[in-house]
């Protein structure tokens, strides 16, 4: 009996030793990521906060943040919010049905469609946006096709519509993939059980499928809204100099060497982003804790 107890203790000690070794190995594996995160995320963030809350004499001030009340900056911020909300809503309306279609297709067709969806993402972001400029310009592809059929030309380039099209095209995969990844994990037995209990397609979708897919929807909205709100490349190329978003204002300030002003406006934009993400996160947690029925 004593021998058995000793063997049991030895086995337990060996398991603890192996677990501690595994934990230590995992910590060492995360060390390069900690260095990368510190160098490329934390340090730039600290610099933005420092420049945003100081003046040229390194004195503490809120003047850089209050510059958002300037009519030009305020108008650029509201326009950026408006266009980013529009593009996020359009992406959601397009992405959810597409994710459902992908979920219902066969495996081979499914993989092919997903490949087509993410294939443009392998191309440089700037090149994709310039391609849309060539498509939408006055003598671009769309207007050449319309001219061939003797139809009136469309004046889309350098308008908010062109910017929204560019946002939707560039950020649509970021909405589709999170929703699709959640839909494929929904247990088919749960859906079949709802239908066996008498629920029609609309009730099944509203009571089962959509609530279970909300984490993917929330993730997709965040991944589309944030880059849409902060973008300046799309508005510069497709909007020209006629449409100025808050991202363009911040980019211009940094280009002119006004780091304090650019950082202050960046902090305001960061507050809007964090506030929207907090609301979405709270809504996501409430949906997870609620009863599906």
Protein backbone atom coordinates (compact mmCIF):
# COMPACT_ATOMS: atom_id res chain seq x y z
CA UNK A 1 0.00 0.00 0.00
CA UNK A 2 2.88 2.37 0.82
CA UNK A 3 4.49 1.53 -2.49
CA UNK A 4 1.23 2.35 -4.31
CA UNK A 5 0.98 5.70 -2.52
CA UNK A 6 4.56 6.54 -3.42
CA UNK A 7 3.91 5.69 -7.08
CA UNK A 8 0.78 7.86 -7.05
CA UNK A 9 2.65 10.81 -5.54
CA UNK A 10 5.49 10.36 -8.01
CA UNK A 11 3.03 10.33 -10.91
CA UNK A 12 1.28 13.48 -9.64
CA UNK A 13 4.60 15.28 -9.17
CA UNK A 14 5.66 14.29 -12.69
CA UNK A 15 2.41 15.62 -14.14
CA UNK A 16 2.82 18.92 -12.25
CA UNK A 17 6.39 19.19 -13.48
CA UNK A 18 5.29 18.59 -17.07
CA UNK A 19 2.52 21.19 -16.74
CA UNK A 20 4.92 23.77 -15.31
CA UNK A 21 7.38 23.05 -18.13
CA UNK A 22 4.60 23.46 -20.71
CA UNK A 23 3.50 26.77 -19.16
CA UNK A 24 7.08 28.04 -19.17
CA UNK A 25 7.51 27.04 -22.82
CA UNK A 26 4.29 28.85 -23.73
CA UNK A 27 5.53 31.98 -21.94
CA UNK A 28 8.79 31.88 -23.88
CA UNK A 29 6.88 31.46 -27.14
CA UNK A 30 4.82 34.59 -26.37
CA UNK A 31 7.94 36.67 -25.67
CA UNK A 32 8.53 37.72 -29.35
CA UNK A 33 4.90 38.82 -29.63
CA UNK A 34 5.23 40.91 -26.45
CA UNK A 35 8.28 42.66 -27.96
CA UNK A 36 6.45 43.23 -31.25
CA UNK A 37 3.32 44.53 -29.48
CA UNK A 38 5.38 46.86 -27.30
CA UNK A 39 7.38 48.28 -30.21
CA UNK A 40 4.59 48.70 -32.74
CA UNK A 41 1.47 49.22 -30.60
CA UNK A 42 2.25 50.48 -27.10
CA UNK A 43 5.13 52.84 -27.94
CA UNK A 44 3.29 54.61 -30.82
CA UNK A 45 0.18 54.86 -28.64
CA UNK A 46 2.16 56.45 -25.80
CA UNK A 47 3.71 58.91 -28.26
CA UNK A 48 0.30 59.87 -29.64
CA UNK A 49 -1.02 60.47 -26.11
CA UNK A 50 2.09 62.49 -25.21
CA UNK A 51 1.97 64.73 -28.30
CA UNK A 52 -1.82 65.05 -28.09
CA UNK A 53 -1.74 66.35 -24.51
CA UNK A 54 1.27 68.67 -24.84
CA UNK A 55 2.22 71.79 -26.77
CA UNK A 56 5.45 72.60 -28.60
CA UNK A 57 7.07 73.52 -25.29
CA UNK A 58 6.05 70.08 -23.90
CA UNK A 59 3.60 71.74 -21.53
CA UNK A 60 0.35 69.96 -20.63
CA UNK A 61 -2.67 71.23 -22.59
CA UNK A 62 -6.07 70.22 -23.96
CA UNK A 63 -5.88 72.71 -26.84
CA UNK A 64 -4.99 70.00 -29.37
CA UNK A 65 -8.11 68.05 -28.47
CA UNK A 66 -10.42 71.08 -28.48
CA UNK A 67 -9.36 71.80 -32.08
CA UNK A 68 -12.02 69.27 -33.07
CA UNK A 69 -14.56 72.05 -32.41
CA UNK A 70 -13.13 73.97 -35.38
CA UNK A 71 -15.85 74.04 -38.09
CA UNK A 72 -13.64 72.32 -40.69
CA UNK A 73 -12.52 69.57 -38.32
CA UNK A 74 -16.02 69.08 -36.93
CA UNK A 75 -17.50 68.83 -40.41
CA UNK A 76 -14.79 66.33 -41.44
CA UNK A 77 -15.51 64.19 -38.36
CA UNK A 78 -19.29 64.15 -38.89
CA UNK A 79 -18.87 63.33 -42.58
CA UNK A 80 -16.48 60.49 -41.73
CA UNK A 81 -18.98 59.12 -39.20
CA UNK A 82 -21.80 59.37 -41.72
CA UNK A 83 -19.92 57.63 -44.54
CA UNK A 84 -18.49 54.93 -42.26
CA UNK A 85 -21.97 54.15 -40.88
CA UNK A 86 -23.38 53.95 -44.40
CA UNK A 87 -20.59 51.68 -45.62
CA UNK A 88 -20.87 49.45 -42.53
CA UNK A 89 -24.63 49.08 -43.01
CA UNK A 90 -24.21 48.25 -46.72
CA UNK A 91 -21.48 45.71 -45.92
CA UNK A 92 -23.76 44.05 -43.35
CA UNK A 93 -26.70 43.89 -45.79
CA UNK A 94 -24.47 42.34 -48.45
CA UNK A 95 -22.37 40.12 -46.19
CA UNK A 96 -25.07 38.34 -44.18
CA UNK A 97 -26.94 36.80 -47.15
CA UNK A 98 -23.61 35.93 -48.75
CA UNK A 99 -22.44 34.22 -45.55
CA UNK A 100 -25.71 32.23 -45.43
CA UNK A 101 -25.23 31.17 -49.06
CA UNK A 102 -21.66 30.10 -48.34
CA UNK A 103 -22.85 28.13 -45.33
CA UNK A 104 -25.42 26.24 -47.41
CA UNK A 105 -23.20 25.45 -50.40
CA UNK A 106 -21.22 22.26 -50.81
CA UNK A 107 -17.65 22.09 -49.56
CA UNK A 108 -15.89 22.40 -52.96
CA UNK A 109 -18.08 25.27 -54.15
CA UNK A 110 -17.80 26.83 -50.70
CA UNK A 111 -14.00 26.87 -50.78
CA UNK A 112 -13.99 28.27 -54.31
CA UNK A 113 -16.35 31.13 -53.42
CA UNK A 114 -14.35 31.98 -50.30
CA UNK A 115 -11.18 31.99 -52.42
CA UNK A 116 -12.79 34.43 -54.88
CA UNK A 117 -13.87 36.61 -51.96
CA UNK A 118 -10.43 36.88 -50.37
CA UNK A 119 -8.44 36.86 -53.63
CA UNK A 120 -8.57 40.67 -54.05
CA UNK A 121 -7.18 41.01 -50.51
CA UNK A 122 -3.88 39.59 -51.76
CA UNK A 123 -3.49 42.72 -53.87
CA UNK A 124 -2.16 45.93 -52.36
CA UNK A 125 -4.84 48.12 -50.77
CA UNK A 126 -3.65 51.19 -52.67
CA UNK A 127 -3.77 49.38 -56.03
CA UNK A 128 -7.32 48.17 -55.39
CA UNK A 129 -8.44 51.71 -54.65
CA UNK A 130 -6.69 53.12 -57.74
CA UNK A 131 -8.43 50.43 -59.80
CA UNK A 132 -11.78 51.77 -58.60
CA UNK A 133 -10.65 55.26 -59.58
CA UNK A 134 -10.10 54.02 -63.14
CA UNK A 135 -13.51 52.36 -63.10
CA UNK A 136 -15.45 55.36 -61.81
CA UNK A 137 -13.70 58.30 -63.47
CA UNK A 138 -15.41 60.30 -66.22
CA UNK A 139 -13.66 58.36 -68.98
CA UNK A 140 -13.45 55.16 -67.00
CA UNK A 141 -14.77 51.67 -67.60
CA UNK A 142 -18.36 52.31 -66.50
CA UNK A 143 -18.81 55.46 -68.56
CA UNK A 144 -17.19 53.85 -71.62
CA UNK A 145 -19.70 51.01 -71.40
CA UNK A 146 -22.56 53.50 -71.02
CA UNK A 147 -21.27 55.52 -73.98
CA UNK A 148 -21.16 52.35 -76.09
CA UNK A 149 -24.88 51.84 -75.45
CA UNK A 150 -25.55 55.59 -75.96
CA UNK A 151 -26.53 56.08 -72.33
CA UNK A 152 -25.79 59.19 -70.23
CA UNK A 153 -22.55 59.15 -68.28
CA UNK A 154 -22.42 58.85 -64.50
CA UNK A 155 -20.60 61.46 -62.47
CA UNK A 156 -19.56 59.31 -59.50
CA UNK A 157 -15.88 60.07 -59.02
CA UNK A 158 -15.02 62.68 -56.36
CA UNK A 159 -18.36 62.18 -54.61
CA UNK A 160 -19.37 60.54 -51.31
CA UNK A 161 -20.87 57.70 -53.35
CA UNK A 162 -17.45 56.85 -54.76
CA UNK A 163 -15.95 56.81 -51.27
CA UNK A 164 -18.69 54.50 -49.99
CA UNK A 165 -18.16 52.16 -52.95
CA UNK A 166 -14.44 52.07 -52.21
CA UNK A 167 -15.07 51.35 -48.52
CA UNK A 168 -17.58 48.59 -49.26
CA UNK A 169 -15.30 46.93 -51.80
CA UNK A 170 -12.21 47.03 -49.59
CA UNK A 171 -13.85 46.11 -46.27
CA UNK A 172 -16.64 43.71 -47.32
CA UNK A 173 -14.51 40.56 -46.70
CA UNK A 174 -13.95 41.73 -43.12
CA UNK A 175 -17.72 41.53 -42.63
CA UNK A 176 -18.34 38.28 -44.51
CA UNK A 177 -15.69 36.09 -42.93
CA UNK A 178 -16.57 36.64 -39.22
CA UNK A 179 -20.27 36.02 -39.90
CA UNK A 180 -19.49 32.96 -42.01
CA UNK A 181 -17.17 31.53 -39.34
CA UNK A 182 -19.96 31.80 -36.76
CA UNK A 183 -22.68 30.38 -39.03
CA UNK A 184 -20.72 27.22 -39.85
CA UNK A 185 -20.38 26.52 -36.10
CA UNK A 186 -24.13 26.65 -35.41
CA UNK A 187 -25.36 23.16 -34.63
CA UNK A 188 -27.74 22.02 -37.36
CA UNK A 189 -29.69 19.98 -34.80
CA UNK A 190 -30.71 23.19 -33.03
CA UNK A 191 -32.13 24.60 -36.27
CA UNK A 192 -33.87 21.31 -37.10
CA UNK A 193 -35.32 21.13 -33.59
CA UNK A 194 -36.84 24.59 -33.98
CA UNK A 195 -38.46 23.58 -37.26
CA UNK A 196 -39.72 20.30 -35.77
CA UNK A 197 -41.39 22.34 -33.03
CA UNK A 198 -43.32 24.30 -35.65
CA UNK A 199 -41.15 27.36 -36.25
CA UNK A 200 -41.23 28.68 -39.81
CA UNK A 201 -38.18 30.02 -41.67
CA UNK A 202 -38.64 33.57 -40.38
CA UNK A 203 -39.05 32.46 -36.77
CA UNK A 204 -36.09 30.12 -37.04
CA UNK A 205 -33.91 32.91 -38.36
CA UNK A 206 -35.05 35.55 -35.84
CA UNK A 207 -35.05 33.27 -32.78
CA UNK A 208 -32.15 30.89 -33.52
CA UNK A 209 -29.81 31.74 -36.38
CA UNK A 210 -29.48 35.49 -35.97
CA UNK A 211 -29.02 35.52 -32.16
CA UNK A 212 -26.38 32.79 -32.41
CA UNK A 213 -24.59 34.68 -35.19
CA UNK A 214 -24.50 38.00 -33.31
CA UNK A 215 -20.85 37.56 -32.18
CA UNK A 216 -19.82 37.37 -35.83
CA UNK A 217 -22.01 40.35 -36.72
CA UNK A 218 -20.54 42.44 -33.90
CA UNK A 219 -17.01 41.45 -34.91
CA UNK A 220 -17.71 42.28 -38.57
CA UNK A 221 -19.23 45.67 -37.72
CA UNK A 222 -16.17 46.55 -35.65
CA UNK A 223 -13.74 45.41 -38.34
CA UNK A 224 -15.52 47.51 -40.98
CA UNK A 225 -16.50 50.59 -38.99
CA UNK A 226 -13.06 51.28 -37.49
CA UNK A 227 -11.04 51.34 -40.75
CA UNK A 228 -13.87 53.17 -42.53
CA UNK A 229 -13.85 55.92 -39.90
CA UNK A 230 -10.07 56.32 -39.93
CA UNK A 231 -9.36 55.92 -43.64
CA UNK A 232 -7.76 58.69 -45.66
CA UNK A 233 -6.46 56.78 -48.69
CA UNK A 234 -9.91 55.98 -50.10
CA UNK A 235 -11.20 59.51 -49.62
CA UNK A 236 -8.03 60.98 -51.15
CA UNK A 237 -8.14 58.83 -54.29
CA UNK A 238 -11.88 58.49 -54.86
CA UNK A 239 -12.97 61.77 -53.29
CA UNK A 240 -10.20 63.96 -54.61
CA UNK A 241 -9.68 67.28 -52.88
CA UNK A 242 -13.41 67.98 -52.76
CA UNK A 243 -14.25 65.66 -49.86
CA UNK A 244 -12.21 65.87 -46.65
CA UNK A 245 -12.67 63.32 -43.89
CA UNK A 246 -11.16 63.46 -40.42
CA UNK A 247 -8.54 60.95 -41.54
CA UNK A 248 -7.42 63.36 -44.25
CA UNK A 249 -7.18 66.21 -41.74
CA UNK A 250 -5.02 64.13 -39.38
CA UNK A 251 -2.82 62.91 -42.24
CA UNK A 252 -2.29 66.47 -43.46
CA UNK A 253 -1.32 67.67 -39.97
CA UNK A 254 1.31 64.95 -39.62
CA UNK A 255 2.59 65.63 -43.14
CA UNK A 256 3.01 69.32 -42.26
CA UNK A 257 4.91 68.39 -39.11
CA UNK A 258 2.12 69.41 -36.71
CA UNK A 259 2.43 66.31 -34.54
CA UNK A 260 0.68 67.89 -31.56
CA UNK A 261 -2.40 68.87 -33.58
CA UNK A 262 -2.51 65.57 -35.45
CA UNK A 263 -2.14 63.59 -32.23
CA UNK A 264 -4.86 65.60 -30.49
CA UNK A 265 -7.33 64.95 -33.31
CA UNK A 266 -6.26 61.29 -33.30
CA UNK A 267 -7.16 61.07 -29.61
CA UNK A 268 -10.64 62.40 -30.36
CA UNK A 269 -11.04 59.81 -33.10
CA UNK A 270 -9.76 57.13 -30.72
CA UNK A 271 -12.41 58.13 -28.17
CA UNK A 272 -15.16 57.69 -30.77
CA UNK A 273 -13.78 54.27 -31.74
CA UNK A 274 -13.45 53.07 -28.14
CA UNK A 275 -16.95 54.33 -27.33
CA UNK A 276 -18.49 52.49 -30.31
CA UNK A 277 -16.55 49.31 -29.50
CA UNK A 278 -17.72 49.48 -25.87
CA UNK A 279 -21.35 49.75 -26.96
CA UNK A 280 -20.99 46.85 -29.39
CA UNK A 281 -19.18 44.74 -26.80
CA UNK A 282 -21.89 45.39 -24.21
CA UNK A 283 -24.61 44.51 -26.69
CA UNK A 284 -22.74 41.34 -27.62
CA UNK A 285 -22.50 40.23 -23.97
CA UNK A 286 -26.19 40.96 -23.38
CA UNK A 287 -27.14 38.89 -26.43
CA UNK A 288 -25.04 35.98 -25.25
CA UNK A 289 -26.68 35.99 -21.84
CA UNK A 290 -30.23 36.35 -23.11
CA UNK A 291 -32.67 33.53 -23.73
CA UNK A 292 -32.98 32.59 -27.40
CA UNK A 293 -36.65 32.02 -27.03
